């Protein structure tokens, strides 16, 4: 009976130490998660601001000349293989 109580106490202490170790590991990551969330928020705002602006036409570029296709009635369509 005496050995069972000692094993029970050791088991509870082991579970408690594992829980504390895991909790400490998670809490150590919180500042990085908050920092990353702030960066994501800033990038999202920049993305929205960039796409909210109306695109401005480029006045320096001329439109391409129209393509004229000559209708040649004498030419036969290609033969099917």
Protein backbone atom coordinates (compact mmCIF):
# COMPACT_ATOMS: atom_id res chain seq x y z
CA UNK A 1 0.00 0.00 0.00
CA UNK A 2 2.85 2.34 0.85
CA UNK A 3 4.45 1.83 -2.57
CA UNK A 4 1.16 2.53 -4.38
CA UNK A 5 0.82 5.94 -2.74
CA UNK A 6 4.36 6.88 -3.74
CA UNK A 7 3.76 5.79 -7.34
CA UNK A 8 0.50 7.75 -7.41
CA UNK A 9 2.25 10.88 -6.13
CA UNK A 10 5.04 10.48 -8.69
CA UNK A 11 2.51 9.98 -11.50
CA UNK A 12 0.57 13.11 -10.52
CA UNK A 13 3.80 15.11 -10.30
CA UNK A 14 4.86 13.82 -13.74
CA UNK A 15 1.53 14.76 -15.33
CA UNK A 16 1.67 18.20 -13.69
CA UNK A 17 5.22 18.81 -14.95
CA UNK A 18 4.22 17.78 -18.50
CA UNK A 19 1.23 20.14 -18.36
CA UNK A 20 3.42 23.01 -17.12
CA UNK A 21 6.06 22.33 -19.78
CA UNK A 22 3.42 22.29 -22.54
CA UNK A 23 1.75 25.45 -21.23
CA UNK A 24 5.09 27.26 -21.07
CA UNK A 25 5.86 26.23 -24.66
CA UNK A 26 2.52 27.55 -25.89
CA UNK A 27 2.84 30.81 -23.96
CA UNK A 28 6.34 31.36 -25.35
CA UNK A 29 4.83 31.40 -28.86
CA UNK A 30 2.15 34.02 -28.08
CA UNK A 31 4.32 37.12 -28.75
CA UNK A 32 5.37 35.76 -32.17
CA UNK A 33 1.74 34.98 -33.05
CA UNK A 34 0.64 38.50 -32.06
CA UNK A 35 3.49 40.04 -34.07
CA UNK A 36 2.62 37.93 -37.12
CA UNK A 37 -1.06 38.85 -36.82
CA UNK A 38 -0.11 42.53 -36.82
CA UNK A 39 2.00 42.06 -39.94
CA UNK A 40 -0.85 40.25 -41.69
CA UNK A 41 -3.25 43.06 -40.76
CA UNK A 42 -0.85 45.71 -42.10
CA UNK A 43 -0.31 43.82 -45.37
CA UNK A 44 -4.06 43.32 -45.78
CA UNK A 45 -4.65 47.07 -45.35
CA UNK A 46 -1.94 47.85 -47.91
CA UNK A 47 -3.46 45.32 -50.31
CA UNK A 48 -6.94 46.81 -49.94
CA UNK A 49 -5.63 50.37 -50.29
CA UNK A 50 -3.71 49.44 -53.43
CA UNK A 51 -6.74 47.82 -55.09
CA UNK A 52 -9.23 50.50 -54.00
CA UNK A 53 -7.49 53.09 -56.13
CA UNK A 54 -8.84 53.34 -59.67
CA UNK A 55 -6.30 52.29 -62.28
CA UNK A 56 -5.02 55.25 -64.23
CA UNK A 57 -4.68 54.86 -68.00
CA UNK A 58 -1.19 55.23 -69.35
CA UNK A 59 -1.26 58.26 -71.69
CA UNK A 60 2.22 57.62 -73.08
CA UNK A 61 1.20 54.39 -74.75
CA UNK A 62 -0.66 54.50 -78.07
CA UNK A 63 -3.28 51.87 -78.86
CA UNK A 64 -2.18 49.29 -81.42
CA UNK A 65 -3.21 49.92 -85.02
CA UNK A 66 -6.28 48.04 -86.22
CA UNK A 67 -5.62 44.77 -87.99
CA UNK A 68 -7.06 44.52 -91.47
CA UNK A 69 -7.81 41.09 -92.88
CA UNK A 70 -8.09 40.86 -96.61
CA UNK A 71 -10.83 38.59 -97.83
CA UNK A 72 -9.44 36.40 -100.56
CA UNK A 73 -12.28 34.43 -102.15
CA UNK A 74 -9.97 32.63 -104.58
CA UNK A 75 -8.12 30.78 -101.83
CA UNK A 76 -9.49 27.36 -101.01
CA UNK A 77 -9.81 26.16 -97.43
CA UNK A 78 -7.23 23.61 -96.32
CA UNK A 79 -8.12 20.01 -97.09
CA UNK A 80 -8.94 17.74 -94.20
CA UNK A 81 -6.53 14.90 -93.62
